[in-house]
Amino acid sequence: MYRLRFFDDYGSGWLWPGDDATRDAFDLGPIDALLPISSETRALADRLSAQHAASLNQDYPPDGCQWPQAERDAFNAQVESLYQRLWSELGTDFLLIDERMIL
């Protein structure tokens, strides 16, 4: 079983190796493009990753997300949907470890 860490590093991707065996099989992260997921799920992941990157205060990154709470809630709900889709599509060969940061 491959171990995948689920989090986004501001536009880099959502899926990262979670152990040596996964790293050996798929390389260093992000490894989204190397995994058996649908084009629809891949497009959702890419869109959410780009949104997450846009949430960062470019003038002063330590400030983090500048979105109003309603926008954060909507984004977090979409990320939860992505997580569930990935869990379903990846199947029993993969263990998905949720390490996302809630906005």
PDB file of N, CA and C in Angstrom:
ATOM      1  N   MET A   1       0.848  -1.185   0.000  1.00  0.00           N
ATOM      2  CA  MET A   1       0.000   0.000   0.000  1.00  0.00           C
ATOM      3  C   MET A   1       0.889   1.243   0.000  1.00  0.00           C
ATOM      4  N   TYR A   2       0.567   2.185  -0.885  1.00  0.00           N
ATOM      5  CA  TYR A   2       1.291   3.445  -0.956  1.00  0.00           C
ATOM      6  C   TYR A   2       0.662   4.460  -0.007  1.00  0.00           C
ATOM      7  N   ARG A   3       1.503   5.225   0.656  1.00  0.00           N
ATOM      8  CA  ARG A   3       1.039   6.262   1.589  1.00  0.00           C
ATOM      9  C   ARG A   3       1.181   7.619   0.906  1.00  0.00           C
ATOM     10  N   LEU A   4       0.074   8.345   0.823  1.00  0.00           N
ATOM     11  CA  LEU A   4       0.058   9.665   0.198  1.00  0.00           C
ATOM     12  C   LEU A   4      -0.344  10.717   1.216  1.00  0.00           C
ATOM     13  N   ARG A   5       0.421  11.777   1.296  1.00  0.00           N
ATOM     14  CA  ARG A   5       0.082  12.918   2.134  1.00  0.00           C
ATOM     15  C   ARG A   5      -0.761  13.880   1.296  1.00  0.00           C
ATOM     16  N   PHE A   6      -1.896  14.331   1.845  1.00  0.00           N
ATOM     17  CA  PHE A   6      -2.819  15.230   1.139  1.00  0.00           C
ATOM     18  C   PHE A   6      -2.732  16.622   1.752  1.00  0.00           C
ATOM     19  N   PHE A   7      -2.130  17.535   1.003  1.00  0.00           N
ATOM     20  CA  PHE A   7      -2.090  18.951   1.369  1.00  0.00           C
ATOM     21  C   PHE A   7      -1.616  19.724   0.140  1.00  0.00           C
ATOM     22  N   ASP A   8      -1.868  21.016   0.126  1.00  0.00           N
ATOM     23  CA  ASP A   8      -1.419  21.843  -0.994  1.00  0.00           C
ATOM     24  C   ASP A   8      -0.364  22.811  -0.503  1.00  0.00           C
ATOM     25  N   ASP A   9       0.731  22.897  -1.242  1.00  0.00           N
ATOM     26  CA  ASP A   9       1.792  23.831  -0.913  1.00  0.00           C
ATOM     27  C   ASP A   9       1.708  25.028  -1.858  1.00  0.00           C
ATOM     28  N   TYR A  10       0.637  25.798  -1.718  1.00  0.00           N
ATOM     29  CA  TYR A  10       0.402  27.021  -2.482  1.00  0.00           C
ATOM     30  C   TYR A  10       0.699  26.875  -3.962  1.00  0.00           C
ATOM     31  N   GLY A  11      -0.100  26.046  -4.617  1.00  0.00           N
ATOM     32  CA  GLY A  11      -0.036  25.926  -6.061  1.00  0.00           C
ATOM     33  C   GLY A  11       0.833  24.804  -6.579  1.00  0.00           C
ATOM     34  N   SER A  12       1.431  24.033  -5.692  1.00  0.00           N
ATOM     35  CA  SER A  12       2.347  22.966  -6.133  1.00  0.00           C
ATOM     36  C   SER A  12       1.650  21.651  -6.444  1.00  0.00           C
ATOM     37  N   GLY A  13       0.564  21.361  -5.770  1.00  0.00           N
ATOM     38  CA  GLY A  13      -0.127  20.091  -5.937  1.00  0.00           C
ATOM     39  C   GLY A  13      -0.577  19.553  -4.590  1.00  0.00           C
ATOM     40  N   TRP A  14      -1.416  18.538  -4.633  1.00  0.00           N
ATOM     41  CA  TRP A  14      -2.065  18.025  -3.417  1.00  0.00           C
ATOM     42  C   TRP A  14      -1.501  16.724  -2.881  1.00  0.00           C
ATOM     43  N   LEU A  15      -0.846  15.929  -3.692  1.00  0.00           N
ATOM     44  CA  LEU A  15      -0.456  14.579  -3.273  1.00  0.00           C
ATOM     45  C   LEU A  15       1.061  14.449  -3.223  1.00  0.00           C
ATOM     46  N   TRP A  16       1.549  14.005  -2.066  1.00  0.00           N
ATOM     47  CA  TRP A  16       2.978  13.925  -1.787  1.00  0.00           C
ATOM     48  C   TRP A  16       3.281  12.541  -1.202  1.00  0.00           C
ATOM     49  N   PRO A  17       4.461  11.993  -1.468  1.00  0.00           N
ATOM     50  CA  PRO A  17       4.808  10.686  -0.900  1.00  0.00           C
ATOM     51  C   PRO A  17       4.801  10.744   0.631  1.00  0.00           C
ATOM     52  N   GLY A  18       4.280   9.694   1.230  1.00  0.00           N
ATOM     53  CA  GLY A  18       4.191   9.641   2.683  1.00  0.00           C
ATOM     54  C   GLY A  18       5.137   8.655   3.328  1.00  0.00           C
ATOM     55  N   ASP A  19       5.912   7.945   2.515  1.00  0.00           N
ATOM     56  CA  ASP A  19       6.909   7.023   3.062  1.00  0.00           C
ATOM     57  C   ASP A  19       7.949   6.723   1.976  1.00  0.00           C
ATOM     58  N   ASP A  20       8.991   6.000   2.361  1.00  0.00           N
ATOM     59  CA  ASP A  20      10.076   5.703   1.423  1.00  0.00           C
ATOM     60  C   ASP A  20       9.613   4.868   0.234  1.00  0.00           C
ATOM     61  N   ALA A  21       8.747   3.900   0.471  1.00  0.00           N
ATOM     62  CA  ALA A  21       8.280   3.033  -0.623  1.00  0.00           C
ATOM     63  C   ALA A  21       7.519   3.840  -1.670  1.00  0.00           C
ATOM     64  N   THR A  22       6.696   4.769  -1.231  1.00  0.00           N
ATOM     65  CA  THR A  22       5.942   5.606  -2.157  1.00  0.00           C
ATOM     66  C   THR A  22       6.883   6.550  -2.894  1.00  0.00           C
ATOM     67  N   ARG A  23       7.847   7.104  -2.173  1.00  0.00           N
ATOM     68  CA  ARG A  23       8.837   7.987  -2.799  1.00  0.00           C
ATOM     69  C   ARG A  23       9.655   7.224  -3.841  1.00  0.00           C
ATOM     70  N   ASP A  24      10.029   5.999  -3.523  1.00  0.00           N
ATOM     71  CA  ASP A  24      10.793   5.170  -4.467  1.00  0.00           C
ATOM     72  C   ASP A  24       9.977   4.843  -5.719  1.00  0.00           C
ATOM     73  N   ALA A  25       8.693   4.618  -5.538  1.00  0.00           N
ATOM     74  CA  ALA A  25       7.828   4.244  -6.663  1.00  0.00           C
ATOM     75  C   ALA A  25       7.448   5.439  -7.543  1.00  0.00           C
ATOM     76  N   PHE A  26       7.270   6.618  -6.924  1.00  0.00           N
ATOM     77  CA  PHE A  26       6.722   7.756  -7.659  1.00  0.00           C
ATOM     78  C   PHE A  26       7.619   8.983  -7.692  1.00  0.00           C
ATOM     79  N   ASP A  27       8.724   9.005  -6.974  1.00  0.00           N
ATOM     80  CA  ASP A  27       9.636  10.134  -6.909  1.00  0.00           C
ATOM     81  C   ASP A  27       9.190  11.090  -5.803  1.00  0.00           C
ATOM     82  N   LEU A  28       9.853  12.230  -5.734  1.00  0.00           N
ATOM     83  CA  LEU A  28       9.497  13.258  -4.757  1.00  0.00           C
ATOM     84  C   LEU A  28       8.215  13.936  -5.198  1.00  0.00           C
ATOM     85  N   GLY A  29       7.612  14.696  -4.316  1.00  0.00           N
ATOM     86  CA  GLY A  29       6.334  15.314  -4.635  1.00  0.00           C
ATOM     87  C   GLY A  29       6.468  16.657  -5.272  1.00  0.00           C
ATOM     88  N   PRO A  30       5.373  17.214  -5.723  1.00  0.00           N
ATOM     89  CA  PRO A  30       4.056  16.585  -5.741  1.00  0.00           C
ATOM     90  C   PRO A  30       3.971  15.535  -6.846  1.00  0.00           C
ATOM     91  N   ILE A  31       3.124  14.539  -6.614  1.00  0.00           N
ATOM     92  CA  ILE A  31       3.033  13.426  -7.560  1.00  0.00           C
ATOM     93  C   ILE A  31       1.631  13.262  -8.139  1.00  0.00           C
ATOM     94  N   ASP A  32       0.819  14.302  -8.060  1.00  0.00           N
ATOM     95  CA  ASP A  32      -0.557  14.254  -8.573  1.00  0.00           C
ATOM     96  C   ASP A  32      -0.626  13.693  -9.992  1.00  0.00           C
ATOM     97  N   ALA A  33       0.244  14.178 -10.866  1.00  0.00           N
ATOM     98  CA  ALA A  33       0.188  13.808 -12.288  1.00  0.00           C
ATOM     99  C   ALA A  33       0.562  12.354 -12.537  1.00  0.00           C
ATOM    100  N   LEU A  34       1.169  11.706 -11.563  1.00  0.00           N
ATOM    101  CA  LEU A  34       1.627  10.326 -11.741  1.00  0.00           C
ATOM    102  C   LEU A  34       0.624   9.282 -11.275  1.00  0.00           C
ATOM    103  N   LEU A  35      -0.484   9.722 -10.714  1.00  0.00           N
ATOM    104  CA  LEU A  35      -1.426   8.803 -10.077  1.00  0.00           C
ATOM    105  C   LEU A  35      -2.666   8.572 -10.930  1.00  0.00           C
ATOM    106  N   PRO A  36      -3.308   7.425 -10.727  1.00  0.00           N
ATOM    107  CA  PRO A  36      -4.487   7.055 -11.528  1.00  0.00           C
ATOM    108  C   PRO A  36      -5.766   7.750 -11.064  1.00  0.00           C
ATOM    109  N   ILE A  37      -5.908   9.016 -11.445  1.00  0.00           N
ATOM    110  CA  ILE A  37      -7.133   9.750 -11.122  1.00  0.00           C
ATOM    111  C   ILE A  37      -7.737  10.295 -12.410  1.00  0.00           C
ATOM    112  N   SER A  38      -9.032  10.545 -12.377  1.00  0.00           N
ATOM    113  CA  SER A  38      -9.751  10.998 -13.565  1.00  0.00           C
ATOM    114  C   SER A  38      -9.316  12.408 -13.968  1.00  0.00           C
ATOM    115  N   SER A  39      -9.542  12.731 -15.212  1.00  0.00           N
ATOM    116  CA  SER A  39      -9.203  14.071 -15.699  1.00  0.00           C
ATOM    117  C   SER A  39     -10.049  15.135 -14.996  1.00  0.00           C
ATOM    118  N   GLU A  40     -11.285  14.800 -14.634  1.00  0.00           N
ATOM    119  CA  GLU A  40     -12.142  15.742 -13.915  1.00  0.00           C
ATOM    120  C   GLU A  40     -11.581  16.041 -12.523  1.00  0.00           C
ATOM    121  N   THR A  41     -11.144  14.997 -11.829  1.00  0.00           N
ATOM    122  CA  THR A  41     -10.579  15.183 -10.493  1.00  0.00           C
ATOM    123  C   THR A  41      -9.251  15.925 -10.584  1.00  0.00           C
ATOM    124  N   ARG A  42      -8.450  15.606 -11.580  1.00  0.00           N
ATOM    125  CA  ARG A  42      -7.180  16.301 -11.779  1.00  0.00           C
ATOM    126  C   ARG A  42      -7.422  17.791 -12.048  1.00  0.00           C
ATOM    127  N   ALA A  43      -8.436  18.111 -12.858  1.00  0.00           N
ATOM    128  CA  ALA A  43      -8.771  19.511 -13.146  1.00  0.00           C
ATOM    129  C   ALA A  43      -9.234  20.229 -11.883  1.00  0.00           C
ATOM    130  N   LEU A  44     -10.045  19.567 -11.062  1.00  0.00           N
ATOM    131  CA  LEU A  44     -10.491  20.147  -9.799  1.00  0.00           C
ATOM    132  C   LEU A  44      -9.289  20.406  -8.896  1.00  0.00           C
ATOM    133  N   ALA A  45      -8.388  19.446  -8.797  1.00  0.00           N
ATOM    134  CA  ALA A  45      -7.189  19.606  -7.963  1.00  0.00           C
ATOM    135  C   ALA A  45      -6.351  20.782  -8.438  1.00  0.00           C
ATOM    136  N   ASP A  46      -6.167  20.896  -9.741  1.00  0.00           N
ATOM    137  CA  ASP A  46      -5.381  22.006 -10.295  1.00  0.00           C
ATOM    138  C   ASP A  46      -6.046  23.346 -10.009  1.00  0.00           C
ATOM    139  N   ARG A  47      -7.361  23.395 -10.197  1.00  0.00           N
ATOM    140  CA  ARG A  47      -8.091  24.654  -9.958  1.00  0.00           C
ATOM    141  C   ARG A  47      -8.005  25.075  -8.497  1.00  0.00           C
ATOM    142  N   LEU A  48      -8.195  24.121  -7.587  1.00  0.00           N
ATOM    143  CA  LEU A  48      -8.145  24.437  -6.155  1.00  0.00           C
ATOM    144  C   LEU A  48      -6.734  24.806  -5.717  1.00  0.00           C
ATOM    145  N   SER A  49      -5.745  24.174  -6.296  1.00  0.00           N
ATOM    146  CA  SER A  49      -4.368  24.515  -5.976  1.00  0.00           C
ATOM    147  C   SER A  49      -4.049  25.943  -6.414  1.00  0.00           C
ATOM    148  N   ALA A  50      -4.512  26.325  -7.593  1.00  0.00           N
ATOM    149  CA  ALA A  50      -4.310  27.695  -8.077  1.00  0.00           C
ATOM    150  C   ALA A  50      -5.060  28.696  -7.202  1.00  0.00           C
ATOM    151  N   GLN A  51      -6.285  28.352  -6.788  1.00  0.00           N
ATOM    152  CA  GLN A  51      -7.046  29.225  -5.891  1.00  0.00           C
ATOM    153  C   GLN A  51      -6.311  29.400  -4.579  1.00  0.00           C
ATOM    154  N   HIS A  52      -5.796  28.298  -4.051  1.00  0.00           N
ATOM    155  CA  HIS A  52      -5.077  28.347  -2.781  1.00  0.00           C
ATOM    156  C   HIS A  52      -3.863  29.262  -2.900  1.00  0.00           C
ATOM    157  N   ALA A  53      -3.117  29.165  -3.997  1.00  0.00           N
ATOM    158  CA  ALA A  53      -1.956  30.020  -4.213  1.00  0.00           C
ATOM    159  C   ALA A  53      -2.376  31.489  -4.271  1.00  0.00           C
ATOM    160  N   ALA A  54      -3.525  31.764  -4.884  1.00  0.00           N
ATOM    161  CA  ALA A  54      -4.009  33.138  -4.995  1.00  0.00           C
ATOM    162  C   ALA A  54      -4.474  33.706  -3.659  1.00  0.00           C
ATOM    163  N   SER A  55      -4.746  32.843  -2.689  1.00  0.00           N
ATOM    164  CA  SER A  55      -5.212  33.313  -1.383  1.00  0.00           C
ATOM    165  C   SER A  55      -4.094  33.921  -0.558  1.00  0.00           C
ATOM    166  N   LEU A  56      -2.866  33.624  -0.909  1.00  0.00           N
ATOM    167  CA  LEU A  56      -1.718  34.096  -0.152  1.00  0.00           C
ATOM    168  C   LEU A  56      -1.489  35.588  -0.378  1.00  0.00           C
ATOM    169  N   ASN A  57      -1.236  36.310   0.672  1.00  0.00           N
ATOM    170  CA  ASN A  57      -0.912  37.730   0.573  1.00  0.00           C
ATOM    171  C   ASN A  57       0.489  37.844  -0.039  1.00  0.00           C
ATOM    172  N   GLN A  58       0.566  38.198  -1.313  1.00  0.00           N
ATOM    173  CA  GLN A  58       1.843  38.260  -2.022  1.00  0.00           C
ATOM    174  C   GLN A  58       2.771  39.332  -1.470  1.00  0.00           C
ATOM    175  N   ASP A  59       2.209  40.386  -0.884  1.00  0.00           N
ATOM    176  CA  ASP A  59       3.041  41.455  -0.324  1.00  0.00           C
ATOM    177  C   ASP A  59       3.659  41.059   1.016  1.00  0.00           C
ATOM    178  N   TYR A  60       2.951  40.207   1.766  1.00  0.00           N
ATOM    179  CA  TYR A  60       3.461  39.772   3.067  1.00  0.00           C
ATOM    180  C   TYR A  60       2.911  38.375   3.361  1.00  0.00           C
ATOM    181  N   PRO A  61       3.550  37.330   2.803  1.00  0.00           N
ATOM    182  CA  PRO A  61       3.048  35.953   2.922  1.00  0.00           C
ATOM    183  C   PRO A  61       2.753  35.468   4.342  1.00  0.00           C
ATOM    184  N   PRO A  62       3.476  35.901   5.379  1.00  0.00           N
ATOM    185  CA  PRO A  62       3.114  35.405   6.720  1.00  0.00           C
ATOM    186  C   PRO A  62       1.696  35.748   7.159  1.00  0.00           C
ATOM    187  N   ASP A  63       1.079  36.758   6.501  1.00  0.00           N
ATOM    188  CA  ASP A  63      -0.308  37.098   6.832  1.00  0.00           C
ATOM    189  C   ASP A  63      -1.280  35.995   6.427  1.00  0.00           C
ATOM    190  N   GLY A  64      -0.877  35.127   5.501  1.00  0.00           N
ATOM    191  CA  GLY A  64      -1.741  34.026   5.076  1.00  0.00           C
ATOM    192  C   GLY A  64      -2.928  34.491   4.253  1.00  0.00           C
ATOM    193  N   CYS A  65      -4.001  33.751   4.376  1.00  0.00           N
ATOM    194  CA  CYS A  65      -5.199  33.962   3.566  1.00  0.00           C
ATOM    195  C   CYS A  65      -5.918  35.255   3.946  1.00  0.00           C
ATOM    196  N   GLN A  66      -6.286  36.014   2.926  1.00  0.00           N
ATOM    197  CA  GLN A  66      -6.977  37.289   3.137  1.00  0.00           C
ATOM    198  C   GLN A  66      -8.457  37.218   2.768  1.00  0.00           C
ATOM    199  N   TRP A  67      -8.963  36.016   2.480  1.00  0.00           N
ATOM    200  CA  TRP A  67     -10.352  35.864   2.069  1.00  0.00           C
ATOM    201  C   TRP A  67     -11.304  36.061   3.242  1.00  0.00           C
ATOM    202  N   PRO A  68     -12.523  36.563   2.953  1.00  0.00           N
ATOM    203  CA  PRO A  68     -13.552  36.598   3.992  1.00  0.00           C
ATOM    204  C   PRO A  68     -13.959  35.162   4.370  1.00  0.00           C
ATOM    205  N   GLN A  69     -14.548  34.998   5.543  1.00  0.00           N
ATOM    206  CA  GLN A  69     -14.850  33.664   6.066  1.00  0.00           C
ATOM    207  C   GLN A  69     -15.759  32.858   5.142  1.00  0.00           C
ATOM    208  N   ALA A  70     -16.730  33.497   4.525  1.00  0.00           N
ATOM    209  CA  ALA A  70     -17.636  32.763   3.623  1.00  0.00           C
ATOM    210  C   ALA A  70     -16.867  32.158   2.454  1.00  0.00           C
ATOM    211  N   GLU A  71     -15.897  32.892   1.931  1.00  0.00           N
ATOM    212  CA  GLU A  71     -15.084  32.383   0.823  1.00  0.00           C
ATOM    213  C   GLU A  71     -14.174  31.243   1.292  1.00  0.00           C
ATOM    214  N   ARG A  72     -13.646  31.371   2.503  1.00  0.00           N
ATOM    215  CA  ARG A  72     -12.836  30.285   3.082  1.00  0.00           C
ATOM    216  C   ARG A  72     -13.672  29.020   3.257  1.00  0.00           C
ATOM    217  N   ASP A  73     -14.874  29.189   3.767  1.00  0.00           N
ATOM    218  CA  ASP A  73     -15.758  28.042   3.990  1.00  0.00           C
ATOM    219  C   ASP A  73     -16.075  27.328   2.676  1.00  0.00           C
ATOM    220  N   ALA A  74     -16.363  28.106   1.626  1.00  0.00           N
ATOM    221  CA  ALA A  74     -16.664  27.520   0.320  1.00  0.00           C
ATOM    222  C   ALA A  74     -15.449  26.778  -0.229  1.00  0.00           C
ATOM    223  N   PHE A  75     -14.273  27.366  -0.096  1.00  0.00           N
ATOM    224  CA  PHE A  75     -13.044  26.717  -0.553  1.00  0.00           C
ATOM    225  C   PHE A  75     -12.802  25.422   0.222  1.00  0.00           C
ATOM    226  N   ASN A  76     -12.930  25.485   1.538  1.00  0.00           N
ATOM    227  CA  ASN A  76     -12.706  24.293   2.362  1.00  0.00           C
ATOM    228  C   ASN A  76     -13.675  23.170   2.012  1.00  0.00           C
ATOM    229  N   ALA A  77     -14.907  23.507   1.680  1.00  0.00           N
ATOM    230  CA  ALA A  77     -15.888  22.492   1.271  1.00  0.00           C
ATOM    231  C   ALA A  77     -15.472  21.846  -0.045  1.00  0.00           C
ATOM    232  N   GLN A  78     -14.939  22.643  -0.967  1.00  0.00           N
ATOM    233  CA  GLN A  78     -14.474  22.090  -2.240  1.00  0.00           C
ATOM    234  C   GLN A  78     -13.259  21.191  -2.035  1.00  0.00           C
ATOM    235  N   VAL A  79     -12.380  21.565  -1.123  1.00  0.00           N
ATOM    236  CA  VAL A  79     -11.207  20.736  -0.824  1.00  0.00           C
ATOM    237  C   VAL A  79     -11.655  19.411  -0.199  1.00  0.00           C
ATOM    238  N   GLU A  80     -12.661  19.452   0.655  1.00  0.00           N
ATOM    239  CA  GLU A  80     -13.194  18.213   1.231  1.00  0.00           C
ATOM    240  C   GLU A  80     -13.747  17.314   0.131  1.00  0.00           C
ATOM    241  N   SER A  81     -14.437  17.911  -0.832  1.00  0.00           N
ATOM    242  CA  SER A  81     -14.950  17.148  -1.966  1.00  0.00           C
ATOM    243  C   SER A  81     -13.803  16.523  -2.761  1.00  0.00           C
ATOM    244  N   LEU A  82     -12.747  17.276  -2.989  1.00  0.00           N
ATOM    245  CA  LEU A  82     -11.568  16.734  -3.679  1.00  0.00           C
ATOM    246  C   LEU A  82     -10.981  15.562  -2.909  1.00  0.00           C
ATOM    247  N   TYR A  83     -10.837  15.710  -1.615  1.00  0.00           N
ATOM    248  CA  TYR A  83     -10.298  14.645  -0.767  1.00  0.00           C
ATOM    249  C   TYR A  83     -11.136  13.365  -0.908  1.00  0.00           C
ATOM    250  N   GLN A  84     -12.447  13.502  -0.845  1.00  0.00           N
ATOM    251  CA  GLN A  84     -13.330  12.341  -0.962  1.00  0.00           C
ATOM    252  C   GLN A  84     -13.229  11.699  -2.350  1.00  0.00           C
ATOM    253  N   ARG A  85     -13.161  12.518  -3.375  1.00  0.00           N
ATOM    254  CA  ARG A  85     -13.025  11.994  -4.745  1.00  0.00           C
ATOM    255  C   ARG A  85     -11.711  11.233  -4.900  1.00  0.00           C
ATOM    256  N   LEU A  86     -10.620  11.810  -4.397  1.00  0.00           N
ATOM    257  CA  LEU A  86      -9.323  11.137  -4.483  1.00  0.00           C
ATOM    258  C   LEU A  86      -9.348   9.817  -3.735  1.00  0.00           C
ATOM    259  N   TRP A  87      -9.906   9.832  -2.547  1.00  0.00           N
ATOM    260  CA  TRP A  87     -10.007   8.614  -1.735  1.00  0.00           C
ATOM    261  C   TRP A  87     -10.729   7.521  -2.515  1.00  0.00           C
ATOM    262  N   SER A  88     -11.811   7.886  -3.157  1.00  0.00           N
ATOM    263  CA  SER A  88     -12.613   6.941  -3.923  1.00  0.00           C
ATOM    264  C   SER A  88     -11.876   6.456  -5.173  1.00  0.00           C
ATOM    265  N   GLU A  89     -11.268   7.379  -5.913  1.00  0.00           N
ATOM    266  CA  GLU A  89     -10.633   7.020  -7.175  1.00  0.00           C
ATOM    267  C   GLU A  89      -9.322   6.257  -6.999  1.00  0.00           C
ATOM    268  N   LEU A  90      -8.575   6.550  -5.967  1.00  0.00           N
ATOM    269  CA  LEU A  90      -7.273   5.899  -5.796  1.00  0.00           C
ATOM    270  C   LEU A  90      -7.414   4.443  -5.349  1.00  0.00           C
ATOM    271  N   GLY A  91      -8.454   4.141  -4.625  1.00  0.00           N
ATOM    272  CA  GLY A  91      -8.720   2.754  -4.252  1.00  0.00           C
ATOM    273  C   GLY A  91      -7.828   2.230  -3.130  1.00  0.00           C
ATOM    274  N   THR A  92      -7.834   0.926  -2.993  1.00  0.00           N
ATOM    275  CA  THR A  92      -7.217   0.280  -1.827  1.00  0.00           C
ATOM    276  C   THR A  92      -5.702   0.165  -1.897  1.00  0.00           C
ATOM    277  N   ASP A  93      -5.096   0.522  -3.022  1.00  0.00           N
ATOM    278  CA  ASP A  93      -3.636   0.492  -3.112  1.00  0.00           C
ATOM    279  C   ASP A  93      -2.996   1.723  -2.475  1.00  0.00           C
ATOM    280  N   PHE A  94      -3.826   2.692  -2.092  1.00  0.00           N
ATOM    281  CA  PHE A  94      -3.312   3.956  -1.570  1.00  0.00           C
ATOM    282  C   PHE A  94      -3.965   4.302  -0.236  1.00  0.00           C
ATOM    283  N   LEU A  95      -3.154   4.764   0.704  1.00  0.00           N
ATOM    284  CA  LEU A  95      -3.642   5.309   1.966  1.00  0.00           C
ATOM    285  C   LEU A  95      -3.464   6.813   1.890  1.00  0.00           C
ATOM    286  N   LEU A  96      -4.544   7.556   1.977  1.00  0.00           N
ATOM    287  CA  LEU A  96      -4.534   9.008   1.854  1.00  0.00           C
ATOM    288  C   LEU A  96      -4.539   9.623   3.254  1.00  0.00           C
ATOM    289  N   ILE A  97      -3.451  10.316   3.599  1.00  0.00           N
ATOM    290  CA  ILE A  97      -3.283  10.904   4.913  1.00  0.00           C
ATOM    291  C   ILE A  97      -3.597  12.395   4.814  1.00  0.00           C
ATOM    292  N   ASP A  98      -4.637  12.822   5.501  1.00  0.00           N
ATOM    293  CA  ASP A  98      -5.124  14.210   5.420  1.00  0.00           C
ATOM    294  C   ASP A  98      -4.245  15.114   6.280  1.00  0.00           C
ATOM    295  N   GLU A  99      -3.440  15.959   5.642  1.00  0.00           N
ATOM    296  CA  GLU A  99      -2.581  16.900   6.338  1.00  0.00           C
ATOM    297  C   GLU A  99      -2.863  18.334   5.917  1.00  0.00           C
ATOM    298  N   ARG A 100      -4.033  18.561   5.335  1.00  0.00           N
ATOM    299  CA  ARG A 100      -4.356  19.902   4.844  1.00  0.00           C
ATOM    300  C   ARG A 100      -4.537  20.874   6.000  1.00  0.00           C
ATOM    301  N   MET A 101      -4.309  22.129   5.673  1.00  0.00           N
ATOM    302  CA  MET A 101      -4.540  23.199   6.608  1.00  0.00           C
ATOM    303  C   MET A 101      -5.868  23.851   6.229  1.00  0.00           C
ATOM    304  N   ILE A 102      -6.797  23.895   7.145  1.00  0.00           N
ATOM    305  CA  ILE A 102      -8.095  24.516   6.893  1.00  0.00           C
ATOM    306  C   ILE A 102      -7.919  26.033   6.895  1.00  0.00           C
ATOM    307  N   LEU A 103      -8.445  26.691   5.866  1.00  0.00           N
ATOM    308  CA  LEU A 103      -8.346  28.155   5.789  1.00  0.00           C
ATOM    309  C   LEU A 103      -9.388  28.792   6.683  1.00  0.00           C
TER     310      LEU A 103
END
